[in-house]
């Protein structure tokens, strides 16, 4: 795995990558356990790995299907 793939993204960055229209939609994915969160320090905001976000996008969105499934609304 490439080191850049393990970069930690903010929730806003990850929501953008997944195409979420709202921040709340992304939070639902985290709450349902689709993405593991990480904190850089005890009081820092939580983040998610870029590789996990990309894996989620690849698993849920079929590449060859014209009727793509939305990850979040």
N, C-alpha and C. Protein backbone atom coordinates (compact mmCIF):
# COMPACT_ATOMS: atom_id res chain seq x y z
N UNK A 1 0.84 -1.17 0.00
CA UNK A 1 0.00 0.00 0.00
C UNK A 1 0.89 1.24 0.00
N UNK A 2 0.51 2.21 -0.78
CA UNK A 2 1.25 3.46 -0.90
C UNK A 2 1.05 4.31 0.35
N UNK A 3 2.10 5.00 0.78
CA UNK A 3 2.01 5.84 1.97
C UNK A 3 0.97 6.94 1.80
N UNK A 4 0.83 7.48 0.60
CA UNK A 4 -0.16 8.53 0.35
C UNK A 4 -1.58 8.02 0.54
N UNK A 5 -1.81 6.74 0.33
CA UNK A 5 -3.14 6.15 0.51
C UNK A 5 -3.52 6.10 1.99
N UNK A 6 -2.56 6.16 2.87
CA UNK A 6 -2.85 6.11 4.30
C UNK A 6 -2.93 7.50 4.93
N UNK A 7 -2.99 8.50 4.09
CA UNK A 7 -3.15 9.87 4.59
C UNK A 7 -4.48 9.98 5.31
N UNK A 8 -4.51 10.72 6.40
CA UNK A 8 -5.75 10.90 7.15
C UNK A 8 -6.50 12.12 6.62
N UNK A 9 -7.78 11.92 6.35
CA UNK A 9 -8.64 12.98 5.84
C UNK A 9 -9.57 13.48 6.92
N UNK A 10 -9.89 14.76 6.87
CA UNK A 10 -10.93 15.29 7.74
C UNK A 10 -12.26 14.73 7.24
N UNK A 11 -13.27 14.83 8.07
CA UNK A 11 -14.60 14.37 7.64
C UNK A 11 -15.07 15.14 6.41
N UNK A 12 -14.79 16.43 6.35
CA UNK A 12 -15.21 17.24 5.20
C UNK A 12 -14.52 16.78 3.92
N UNK A 13 -13.22 16.49 4.01
CA UNK A 13 -12.48 16.01 2.84
C UNK A 13 -13.01 14.66 2.38
N UNK A 14 -13.25 13.77 3.33
CA UNK A 14 -13.75 12.44 2.99
C UNK A 14 -15.15 12.52 2.39
N UNK A 15 -16.00 13.38 2.93
CA UNK A 15 -17.35 13.56 2.39
C UNK A 15 -17.27 14.06 0.95
N UNK A 16 -16.34 14.95 0.68
CA UNK A 16 -16.17 15.47 -0.68
C UNK A 16 -15.73 14.35 -1.63
N UNK A 17 -14.77 13.54 -1.21
CA UNK A 17 -14.27 12.44 -2.04
C UNK A 17 -15.41 11.47 -2.39
N UNK A 18 -16.28 11.20 -1.41
CA UNK A 18 -17.38 10.26 -1.63
C UNK A 18 -18.57 10.90 -2.34
N UNK A 19 -18.54 12.22 -2.50
CA UNK A 19 -19.63 12.89 -3.20
C UNK A 19 -20.86 13.12 -2.33
N UNK A 20 -20.66 13.17 -1.04
CA UNK A 20 -21.78 13.41 -0.13
C UNK A 20 -22.25 14.85 -0.27
N UNK A 21 -23.54 15.03 -0.35
CA UNK A 21 -24.10 16.38 -0.46
C UNK A 21 -24.16 17.07 0.89
N UNK A 22 -24.20 16.28 1.95
CA UNK A 22 -24.25 16.89 3.28
C UNK A 22 -23.26 16.18 4.20
N UNK A 23 -22.78 16.95 5.15
CA UNK A 23 -21.86 16.44 6.16
C UNK A 23 -22.54 15.36 6.99
N UNK A 24 -23.82 15.54 7.26
CA UNK A 24 -24.59 14.58 8.07
C UNK A 24 -24.65 13.21 7.39
N UNK A 25 -24.75 13.17 6.08
CA UNK A 25 -24.76 11.90 5.36
C UNK A 25 -23.47 11.13 5.59
N UNK A 26 -22.36 11.86 5.61
CA UNK A 26 -21.08 11.22 5.87
C UNK A 26 -21.00 10.71 7.31
N UNK A 27 -21.50 11.49 8.25
CA UNK A 27 -21.50 11.06 9.65
C UNK A 27 -22.28 9.77 9.84
N UNK A 28 -23.33 9.60 9.08
CA UNK A 28 -24.12 8.37 9.15
C UNK A 28 -23.26 7.17 8.78
N UNK A 29 -22.42 7.30 7.76
CA UNK A 29 -21.53 6.21 7.36
C UNK A 29 -20.56 5.85 8.49
N UNK A 30 -20.06 6.86 9.17
CA UNK A 30 -19.13 6.62 10.28
C UNK A 30 -19.88 5.95 11.43
N UNK A 31 -21.06 6.46 11.76
CA UNK A 31 -21.85 5.91 12.87
C UNK A 31 -22.26 4.46 12.61
N UNK A 32 -22.47 4.11 11.35
CA UNK A 32 -22.87 2.74 11.01
C UNK A 32 -21.67 1.80 10.91
N UNK A 33 -20.47 2.33 11.12
CA UNK A 33 -19.29 1.49 11.16
C UNK A 33 -18.63 1.20 9.82
N UNK A 34 -19.00 1.92 8.78
CA UNK A 34 -18.38 1.70 7.47
C UNK A 34 -16.94 2.21 7.42
N UNK A 35 -16.63 3.20 8.26
CA UNK A 35 -15.29 3.77 8.28
C UNK A 35 -14.77 3.85 9.71
N UNK A 36 -13.53 3.44 9.91
CA UNK A 36 -12.89 3.53 11.22
C UNK A 36 -12.29 4.92 11.36
N UNK A 37 -12.43 5.50 12.54
CA UNK A 37 -11.91 6.84 12.76
C UNK A 37 -10.62 6.82 13.57
N UNK A 38 -9.83 7.88 13.40
CA UNK A 38 -8.55 8.03 14.09
C UNK A 38 -8.45 9.45 14.63
N UNK A 39 -7.76 9.59 15.74
CA UNK A 39 -7.46 10.91 16.30
C UNK A 39 -5.96 11.07 16.36
N UNK A 40 -5.48 12.24 15.96
CA UNK A 40 -4.04 12.49 16.00
C UNK A 40 -3.58 12.73 17.43
N UNK A 41 -4.38 13.43 18.19
CA UNK A 41 -4.10 13.65 19.61
C UNK A 41 -5.38 13.42 20.38
N UNK A 42 -5.29 13.47 21.69
CA UNK A 42 -6.45 13.20 22.53
C UNK A 42 -7.63 14.14 22.24
N UNK A 43 -7.34 15.40 22.00
CA UNK A 43 -8.40 16.39 21.81
C UNK A 43 -8.65 16.78 20.36
N UNK A 44 -8.00 16.11 19.42
CA UNK A 44 -8.18 16.50 18.02
C UNK A 44 -9.45 15.90 17.43
N UNK A 45 -9.86 16.48 16.37
CA UNK A 45 -11.03 15.97 15.67
C UNK A 45 -10.68 14.65 14.99
N UNK A 46 -11.69 13.83 14.83
CA UNK A 46 -11.47 12.51 14.24
C UNK A 46 -11.26 12.63 12.74
N UNK A 47 -10.53 11.66 12.21
CA UNK A 47 -10.22 11.60 10.78
C UNK A 47 -10.39 10.17 10.29
N UNK A 48 -10.38 10.00 8.98
CA UNK A 48 -10.49 8.68 8.37
C UNK A 48 -9.37 8.52 7.35
N UNK A 49 -8.98 7.28 7.12
CA UNK A 49 -7.91 7.00 6.15
C UNK A 49 -8.43 7.14 4.73
N UNK A 50 -7.61 7.76 3.88
CA UNK A 50 -7.94 7.90 2.47
C UNK A 50 -8.15 6.53 1.83
N UNK A 51 -7.31 5.57 2.18
CA UNK A 51 -7.44 4.23 1.59
C UNK A 51 -8.79 3.60 1.95
N UNK A 52 -9.27 3.82 3.17
CA UNK A 52 -10.57 3.28 3.58
C UNK A 52 -11.71 3.95 2.83
N UNK A 53 -11.58 5.25 2.62
CA UNK A 53 -12.60 5.98 1.86
C UNK A 53 -12.65 5.48 0.42
N UNK A 54 -11.48 5.29 -0.18
CA UNK A 54 -11.43 4.81 -1.57
C UNK A 54 -11.94 3.38 -1.67
N UNK A 55 -11.62 2.53 -0.69
CA UNK A 55 -12.13 1.16 -0.69
C UNK A 55 -13.65 1.14 -0.57
N UNK A 56 -14.19 2.00 0.26
CA UNK A 56 -15.64 2.10 0.41
C UNK A 56 -16.28 2.51 -0.90
N UNK A 57 -15.69 3.48 -1.56
CA UNK A 57 -16.22 3.95 -2.84
C UNK A 57 -16.17 2.85 -3.89
N UNK A 58 -15.11 2.05 -3.90
CA UNK A 58 -14.98 0.98 -4.90
C UNK A 58 -15.93 -0.18 -4.64
N UNK A 59 -16.18 -0.47 -3.38
CA UNK A 59 -17.06 -1.59 -3.03
C UNK A 59 -18.52 -1.23 -3.32
N UNK A 60 -18.91 -0.02 -3.01
CA UNK A 60 -20.32 0.34 -3.12
C UNK A 60 -20.71 0.77 -4.52
N UNK A 61 -19.82 1.44 -5.24
CA UNK A 61 -20.17 1.93 -6.58
C UNK A 61 -19.66 0.94 -7.62
N UNK A 62 -20.57 0.28 -8.33
CA UNK A 62 -20.14 -0.63 -9.40
C UNK A 62 -19.57 0.18 -10.57
N UNK A 63 -18.39 -0.19 -11.02
CA UNK A 63 -17.71 0.56 -12.07
C UNK A 63 -18.38 0.38 -13.42
N UNK A 64 -18.86 -0.82 -13.71
CA UNK A 64 -19.39 -1.10 -15.03
C UNK A 64 -20.90 -0.92 -15.15
N UNK A 65 -21.57 -0.50 -14.10
CA UNK A 65 -23.02 -0.35 -14.11
C UNK A 65 -23.38 1.12 -14.31
N UNK A 66 -24.28 1.37 -15.25
CA UNK A 66 -24.67 2.75 -15.53
C UNK A 66 -25.58 3.32 -14.46
N UNK A 67 -26.27 2.46 -13.72
CA UNK A 67 -27.12 2.93 -12.62
C UNK A 67 -26.34 2.83 -11.32
N UNK A 68 -25.54 3.83 -11.05
CA UNK A 68 -24.63 3.79 -9.90
C UNK A 68 -25.40 3.96 -8.59
N UNK A 69 -24.95 3.24 -7.60
CA UNK A 69 -25.52 3.34 -6.26
C UNK A 69 -24.89 4.51 -5.55
N UNK A 70 -25.71 5.33 -4.90
CA UNK A 70 -25.17 6.45 -4.16
C UNK A 70 -24.72 6.01 -2.79
N UNK A 71 -23.55 6.46 -2.38
CA UNK A 71 -23.04 6.15 -1.06
C UNK A 71 -23.77 6.97 -0.03
N UNK A 72 -23.88 8.24 -0.27
CA UNK A 72 -24.60 9.12 0.65
C UNK A 72 -25.32 10.20 -0.17
N UNK A 73 -26.37 10.71 0.41
CA UNK A 73 -27.16 11.70 -0.34
C UNK A 73 -26.78 13.10 0.01
